N, C-alpha and C. Protein backbone atom coordinates (compact mmCIF):
# COMPACT_ATOMS: atom_id res chain seq x y z
N GLN A 1 -26.64 37.93 -52.38
CA GLN A 1 -27.85 37.53 -51.70
C GLN A 1 -27.53 37.16 -50.26
N VAL A 2 -28.33 37.67 -49.34
CA VAL A 2 -28.13 37.40 -47.92
C VAL A 2 -29.19 36.41 -47.46
N GLN A 3 -28.77 35.43 -46.72
CA GLN A 3 -29.70 34.48 -46.12
C GLN A 3 -29.55 34.48 -44.62
N LEU A 4 -30.67 34.42 -43.94
CA LEU A 4 -30.69 34.35 -42.48
C LEU A 4 -31.46 33.09 -42.10
N VAL A 5 -30.81 32.22 -41.37
CA VAL A 5 -31.43 30.95 -40.96
C VAL A 5 -31.59 30.94 -39.45
N VAL A 6 -32.83 30.84 -39.03
CA VAL A 6 -33.17 30.92 -37.61
C VAL A 6 -33.36 29.52 -37.04
N SER A 7 -32.89 29.33 -35.83
CA SER A 7 -33.10 28.06 -35.15
C SER A 7 -33.29 28.31 -33.66
N GLY A 8 -33.85 27.32 -32.98
CA GLY A 8 -33.91 27.38 -31.53
C GLY A 8 -35.28 27.55 -30.91
N GLY A 9 -36.31 27.69 -31.71
CA GLY A 9 -37.64 27.83 -31.13
C GLY A 9 -38.13 26.53 -30.56
N GLY A 10 -39.29 26.58 -29.91
CA GLY A 10 -39.85 25.37 -29.36
C GLY A 10 -40.91 25.65 -28.33
N LEU A 11 -41.30 24.59 -27.63
CA LEU A 11 -42.32 24.66 -26.59
C LEU A 11 -41.63 24.59 -25.23
N VAL A 12 -41.89 25.58 -24.41
CA VAL A 12 -41.32 25.62 -23.07
C VAL A 12 -42.40 25.99 -22.07
N GLN A 13 -42.09 25.79 -20.80
CA GLN A 13 -43.01 26.17 -19.74
C GLN A 13 -42.68 27.56 -19.23
N PRO A 14 -43.64 28.23 -18.62
CA PRO A 14 -43.36 29.54 -18.04
C PRO A 14 -42.18 29.44 -17.06
N GLY A 15 -41.29 30.41 -17.16
CA GLY A 15 -40.11 30.43 -16.31
C GLY A 15 -38.90 29.77 -16.92
N ASP A 16 -39.09 29.05 -17.99
CA ASP A 16 -37.99 28.37 -18.67
C ASP A 16 -37.17 29.35 -19.50
N SER A 17 -36.07 28.84 -20.02
CA SER A 17 -35.20 29.62 -20.89
C SER A 17 -35.12 28.97 -22.27
N LEU A 18 -34.76 29.80 -23.23
CA LEU A 18 -34.62 29.33 -24.61
C LEU A 18 -33.64 30.26 -25.30
N ARG A 19 -32.84 29.71 -26.20
CA ARG A 19 -31.92 30.55 -26.96
C ARG A 19 -32.19 30.39 -28.45
N LEU A 20 -32.38 31.52 -29.09
CA LEU A 20 -32.56 31.54 -30.53
C LEU A 20 -31.24 31.92 -31.20
N SER A 21 -31.02 31.35 -32.37
CA SER A 21 -29.84 31.69 -33.16
C SER A 21 -30.28 32.08 -34.56
N CYS A 22 -29.49 32.95 -35.17
CA CYS A 22 -29.76 33.38 -36.54
C CYS A 22 -28.43 33.46 -37.26
N ALA A 23 -28.22 32.52 -38.15
CA ALA A 23 -26.96 32.44 -38.90
C ALA A 23 -27.11 33.17 -40.22
N ALA A 24 -26.24 34.12 -40.45
CA ALA A 24 -26.28 34.92 -41.67
C ALA A 24 -25.21 34.46 -42.65
N SER A 25 -25.55 34.49 -43.90
CA SER A 25 -24.58 34.17 -44.94
C SER A 25 -24.81 35.09 -46.12
N GLY A 26 -23.78 35.23 -46.94
CA GLY A 26 -23.88 36.11 -48.09
C GLY A 26 -23.09 37.38 -47.89
N SER A 27 -23.33 38.32 -48.74
CA SER A 27 -22.59 39.57 -48.73
C SER A 27 -23.29 40.55 -47.78
N ILE A 28 -22.68 40.73 -46.62
CA ILE A 28 -23.28 41.58 -45.58
C ILE A 28 -22.35 42.74 -45.30
N PHE A 29 -22.87 43.94 -45.41
CA PHE A 29 -22.07 45.10 -45.07
C PHE A 29 -21.77 45.09 -43.58
N SER A 30 -20.53 45.38 -43.25
CA SER A 30 -20.08 45.19 -41.87
C SER A 30 -20.73 46.15 -40.87
N ILE A 31 -21.14 47.32 -41.32
CA ILE A 31 -21.79 48.27 -40.41
C ILE A 31 -23.29 48.05 -40.53
N ASN A 32 -23.85 47.40 -39.53
CA ASN A 32 -25.26 47.02 -39.65
C ASN A 32 -25.91 46.91 -38.28
N THR A 33 -27.19 46.77 -38.31
CA THR A 33 -27.97 46.50 -37.11
C THR A 33 -28.69 45.19 -37.30
N MET A 34 -28.56 44.31 -36.34
CA MET A 34 -29.27 43.05 -36.38
C MET A 34 -30.31 43.06 -35.26
N GLY A 35 -31.39 42.39 -35.48
CA GLY A 35 -32.44 42.44 -34.48
C GLY A 35 -33.35 41.24 -34.49
N TRP A 36 -34.08 41.13 -33.43
CA TRP A 36 -35.13 40.12 -33.28
C TRP A 36 -36.47 40.83 -33.19
N TYR A 37 -37.42 40.29 -33.92
CA TYR A 37 -38.79 40.78 -33.89
C TYR A 37 -39.68 39.57 -33.64
N ARG A 38 -40.89 39.85 -33.16
CA ARG A 38 -41.81 38.74 -32.95
C ARG A 38 -43.21 39.14 -33.36
N HIS A 39 -43.97 38.13 -33.71
CA HIS A 39 -45.34 38.32 -34.16
C HIS A 39 -46.24 37.46 -33.30
N PRO A 40 -46.78 38.05 -32.23
CA PRO A 40 -47.68 37.28 -31.36
C PRO A 40 -48.99 37.00 -32.08
N PRO A 41 -49.69 35.96 -31.71
CA PRO A 41 -50.97 35.66 -32.36
C PRO A 41 -51.98 36.78 -32.14
N GLY A 42 -52.58 37.22 -33.20
CA GLY A 42 -53.61 38.25 -33.12
C GLY A 42 -53.08 39.66 -32.94
N LYS A 43 -51.76 39.81 -33.00
CA LYS A 43 -51.17 41.14 -32.82
C LYS A 43 -50.25 41.45 -33.98
N GLU A 44 -49.77 42.68 -34.02
CA GLU A 44 -48.84 43.07 -35.05
C GLU A 44 -47.41 42.67 -34.65
N ARG A 45 -46.56 42.59 -35.66
CA ARG A 45 -45.16 42.30 -35.38
C ARG A 45 -44.55 43.41 -34.55
N GLU A 46 -43.70 43.04 -33.60
CA GLU A 46 -43.11 44.03 -32.70
C GLU A 46 -41.62 43.77 -32.54
N LEU A 47 -40.92 44.84 -32.24
CA LEU A 47 -39.50 44.73 -31.99
C LEU A 47 -39.25 44.07 -30.65
N VAL A 48 -38.28 43.17 -30.61
CA VAL A 48 -37.87 42.57 -29.35
C VAL A 48 -36.56 43.20 -28.88
N ALA A 49 -35.57 43.16 -29.75
CA ALA A 49 -34.26 43.71 -29.39
C ALA A 49 -33.43 43.91 -30.65
N THR A 50 -32.54 44.89 -30.59
CA THR A 50 -31.60 45.10 -31.68
C THR A 50 -30.20 45.29 -31.13
N ILE A 51 -29.23 45.04 -31.97
CA ILE A 51 -27.83 45.24 -31.61
C ILE A 51 -27.09 45.73 -32.85
N THR A 52 -26.33 46.79 -32.67
CA THR A 52 -25.58 47.33 -33.80
C THR A 52 -24.23 46.62 -33.91
N SER A 53 -23.54 46.87 -35.00
CA SER A 53 -22.22 46.29 -35.18
C SER A 53 -21.23 46.85 -34.17
N ALA A 54 -21.58 47.99 -33.55
CA ALA A 54 -20.74 48.56 -32.50
C ALA A 54 -21.07 47.96 -31.14
N GLY A 55 -22.12 47.15 -31.10
CA GLY A 55 -22.48 46.50 -29.84
C GLY A 55 -23.55 47.21 -29.03
N ASP A 56 -24.10 48.27 -29.55
CA ASP A 56 -25.15 48.98 -28.83
C ASP A 56 -26.45 48.19 -28.94
N THR A 57 -27.12 48.06 -27.81
CA THR A 57 -28.34 47.25 -27.77
C THR A 57 -29.56 48.09 -27.42
N ASN A 58 -30.69 47.57 -27.83
CA ASN A 58 -31.97 48.21 -27.54
C ASN A 58 -32.98 47.11 -27.31
N TYR A 59 -33.80 47.25 -26.27
CA TYR A 59 -34.77 46.21 -25.94
C TYR A 59 -36.17 46.81 -25.80
N ALA A 60 -37.13 46.00 -26.14
CA ALA A 60 -38.51 46.35 -25.81
C ALA A 60 -38.66 46.31 -24.30
N ASP A 61 -39.48 47.20 -23.76
CA ASP A 61 -39.65 47.26 -22.31
C ASP A 61 -40.13 45.92 -21.76
N SER A 62 -40.91 45.21 -22.52
CA SER A 62 -41.51 43.96 -22.04
C SER A 62 -40.49 42.85 -21.84
N VAL A 63 -39.29 42.99 -22.42
CA VAL A 63 -38.30 41.92 -22.30
C VAL A 63 -37.05 42.36 -21.56
N LYS A 64 -36.97 43.62 -21.21
CA LYS A 64 -35.78 44.11 -20.51
C LYS A 64 -35.56 43.33 -19.23
N GLY A 65 -34.31 42.94 -19.01
CA GLY A 65 -33.97 42.19 -17.81
C GLY A 65 -34.18 40.69 -17.95
N ARG A 66 -34.86 40.28 -18.99
CA ARG A 66 -35.11 38.83 -19.18
C ARG A 66 -34.43 38.30 -20.45
N PHE A 67 -34.39 39.12 -21.48
CA PHE A 67 -33.80 38.70 -22.75
C PHE A 67 -32.45 39.41 -22.94
N THR A 68 -31.55 38.70 -23.61
CA THR A 68 -30.26 39.28 -23.94
C THR A 68 -29.94 39.00 -25.40
N ILE A 69 -29.69 40.05 -26.15
CA ILE A 69 -29.30 39.91 -27.54
C ILE A 69 -27.78 40.00 -27.63
N SER A 70 -27.21 39.18 -28.49
CA SER A 70 -25.77 39.22 -28.69
C SER A 70 -25.46 38.79 -30.12
N ARG A 71 -24.25 39.06 -30.53
CA ARG A 71 -23.85 38.68 -31.87
C ARG A 71 -22.40 38.23 -31.87
N ASP A 72 -22.10 37.30 -32.74
CA ASP A 72 -20.74 36.83 -32.94
C ASP A 72 -20.42 37.08 -34.40
N ASP A 73 -19.73 38.17 -34.67
CA ASP A 73 -19.48 38.55 -36.05
C ASP A 73 -18.50 37.60 -36.74
N ALA A 74 -17.68 36.92 -35.98
CA ALA A 74 -16.77 35.94 -36.58
C ALA A 74 -17.56 34.77 -37.16
N LYS A 75 -18.72 34.50 -36.55
CA LYS A 75 -19.56 33.41 -37.02
C LYS A 75 -20.78 33.93 -37.80
N ASN A 76 -20.86 35.26 -37.93
CA ASN A 76 -22.03 35.86 -38.58
C ASN A 76 -23.34 35.34 -37.98
N THR A 77 -23.38 35.30 -36.68
CA THR A 77 -24.53 34.74 -35.99
C THR A 77 -25.07 35.69 -34.94
N LEU A 78 -26.37 35.78 -34.89
CA LEU A 78 -27.09 36.59 -33.92
C LEU A 78 -27.78 35.66 -32.94
N TYR A 79 -27.82 36.04 -31.68
CA TYR A 79 -28.44 35.22 -30.65
C TYR A 79 -29.48 36.02 -29.88
N LEU A 80 -30.41 35.29 -29.31
CA LEU A 80 -31.34 35.88 -28.36
C LEU A 80 -31.51 34.89 -27.22
N GLN A 81 -30.97 35.23 -26.08
CA GLN A 81 -31.14 34.41 -24.88
C GLN A 81 -32.40 34.89 -24.17
N MET A 82 -33.34 34.01 -24.02
CA MET A 82 -34.61 34.37 -23.40
C MET A 82 -34.76 33.60 -22.09
N ASN A 83 -34.81 34.33 -21.01
CA ASN A 83 -34.97 33.74 -19.69
C ASN A 83 -36.31 34.15 -19.09
N SER A 84 -36.72 33.40 -18.09
CA SER A 84 -37.98 33.71 -17.39
C SER A 84 -39.12 33.95 -18.38
N LEU A 85 -39.26 33.03 -19.28
CA LEU A 85 -40.27 33.19 -20.33
C LEU A 85 -41.68 33.20 -19.75
N LYS A 86 -42.50 34.03 -20.35
CA LYS A 86 -43.89 34.19 -19.93
C LYS A 86 -44.81 33.77 -21.08
N PRO A 87 -46.03 33.42 -20.78
CA PRO A 87 -46.97 33.06 -21.87
C PRO A 87 -47.10 34.15 -22.91
N GLU A 88 -46.98 35.41 -22.48
CA GLU A 88 -47.11 36.51 -23.45
C GLU A 88 -45.90 36.65 -24.36
N ASP A 89 -44.85 35.87 -24.11
CA ASP A 89 -43.70 35.86 -25.03
C ASP A 89 -43.93 34.93 -26.21
N ALA A 90 -44.99 34.17 -26.15
CA ALA A 90 -45.27 33.24 -27.25
C ALA A 90 -45.52 34.01 -28.54
N ALA A 91 -44.82 33.61 -29.58
CA ALA A 91 -44.90 34.32 -30.86
C ALA A 91 -44.04 33.59 -31.87
N VAL A 92 -44.15 34.03 -33.10
CA VAL A 92 -43.19 33.64 -34.11
C VAL A 92 -42.08 34.69 -34.08
N TYR A 93 -40.87 34.25 -33.91
CA TYR A 93 -39.73 35.15 -33.80
C TYR A 93 -38.96 35.18 -35.12
N TYR A 94 -38.57 36.39 -35.52
CA TYR A 94 -37.84 36.60 -36.75
C TYR A 94 -36.55 37.36 -36.47
N CYS A 95 -35.52 37.06 -37.23
CA CYS A 95 -34.32 37.88 -37.14
C CYS A 95 -34.24 38.78 -38.37
N ASN A 96 -33.53 39.86 -38.21
CA ASN A 96 -33.43 40.86 -39.26
C ASN A 96 -32.03 41.45 -39.27
N ILE A 97 -31.56 41.79 -40.44
CA ILE A 97 -30.33 42.56 -40.57
C ILE A 97 -30.62 43.75 -41.47
N TYR A 98 -30.18 44.90 -41.01
CA TYR A 98 -30.46 46.14 -41.74
C TYR A 98 -29.18 46.96 -41.82
N TYR A 99 -28.95 47.53 -42.98
CA TYR A 99 -27.87 48.50 -43.11
C TYR A 99 -28.20 49.50 -44.20
N LYS A 100 -27.76 50.71 -43.97
CA LYS A 100 -27.88 51.77 -44.96
C LYS A 100 -26.65 52.63 -44.82
N TYR A 101 -25.83 52.61 -45.85
CA TYR A 101 -24.56 53.34 -45.80
C TYR A 101 -24.28 53.86 -47.19
N GLY A 102 -24.47 55.15 -47.35
CA GLY A 102 -24.32 55.71 -48.68
C GLY A 102 -25.35 55.07 -49.62
N PHE A 103 -24.86 54.49 -50.70
CA PHE A 103 -25.77 53.86 -51.66
C PHE A 103 -26.06 52.41 -51.30
N LEU A 104 -25.38 51.93 -50.27
CA LEU A 104 -25.57 50.54 -49.87
C LEU A 104 -26.78 50.43 -48.97
N TYR A 105 -27.64 49.49 -49.26
CA TYR A 105 -28.84 49.29 -48.47
C TYR A 105 -29.17 47.82 -48.42
N GLY A 106 -29.53 47.35 -47.24
CA GLY A 106 -29.95 45.97 -47.11
C GLY A 106 -30.95 45.83 -45.98
N ASN A 107 -31.95 45.05 -46.17
CA ASN A 107 -32.97 44.80 -45.15
C ASN A 107 -33.47 43.38 -45.38
N TYR A 108 -32.95 42.45 -44.60
CA TYR A 108 -33.21 41.04 -44.83
C TYR A 108 -33.83 40.40 -43.60
N TRP A 109 -34.68 39.42 -43.87
CA TRP A 109 -35.40 38.72 -42.80
C TRP A 109 -35.14 37.22 -42.88
N GLY A 110 -35.02 36.63 -41.72
CA GLY A 110 -34.95 35.18 -41.66
C GLY A 110 -36.34 34.59 -41.60
N GLN A 111 -36.42 33.28 -41.73
CA GLN A 111 -37.72 32.63 -41.58
C GLN A 111 -38.09 32.66 -40.09
N GLY A 112 -39.30 32.61 -39.78
CA GLY A 112 -39.72 32.66 -38.40
C GLY A 112 -39.53 31.34 -37.67
N THR A 113 -39.42 31.43 -36.36
CA THR A 113 -39.40 30.23 -35.54
C THR A 113 -40.42 30.41 -34.42
N GLN A 114 -41.18 29.37 -34.19
CA GLN A 114 -42.26 29.46 -33.21
C GLN A 114 -41.74 29.25 -31.80
N VAL A 115 -42.11 30.15 -30.94
CA VAL A 115 -41.84 29.99 -29.51
C VAL A 115 -43.19 29.90 -28.81
N THR A 116 -43.41 28.79 -28.13
CA THR A 116 -44.65 28.58 -27.40
C THR A 116 -44.33 28.45 -25.92
N VAL A 117 -45.01 29.21 -25.11
CA VAL A 117 -44.80 29.18 -23.66
C VAL A 117 -46.11 28.78 -23.01
N SER A 118 -46.13 27.59 -22.51
CA SER A 118 -47.39 27.08 -21.96
C SER A 118 -47.10 26.02 -20.92
N SER A 119 -47.94 26.00 -19.89
CA SER A 119 -47.81 24.97 -18.88
C SER A 119 -48.69 23.77 -19.22
């Protein structure tokens, strides 16, 4: 069983920074993609950023240049550094780990954390 525990959300002002963390535990296949998704109010869940176990990253256009995804595999932890936050970044943020390798498959979600950006 894989567990993902998210921390770091909160209330910030526009222009502020915030860092989210997602600690993974359990049996995780080493070749995987970890990512951050968010669910803004009144909208569908959307991808924020992903990072593969090889370190390749992918970002939504709306966060490029402001957000940085990273991972520390020694700590089994995923991070999202969010800078220059905007009101439209407000959402519930979720972390995800996905892998599919031969017969091995995993798709796990952490609990959401609320990020509110308001003056």
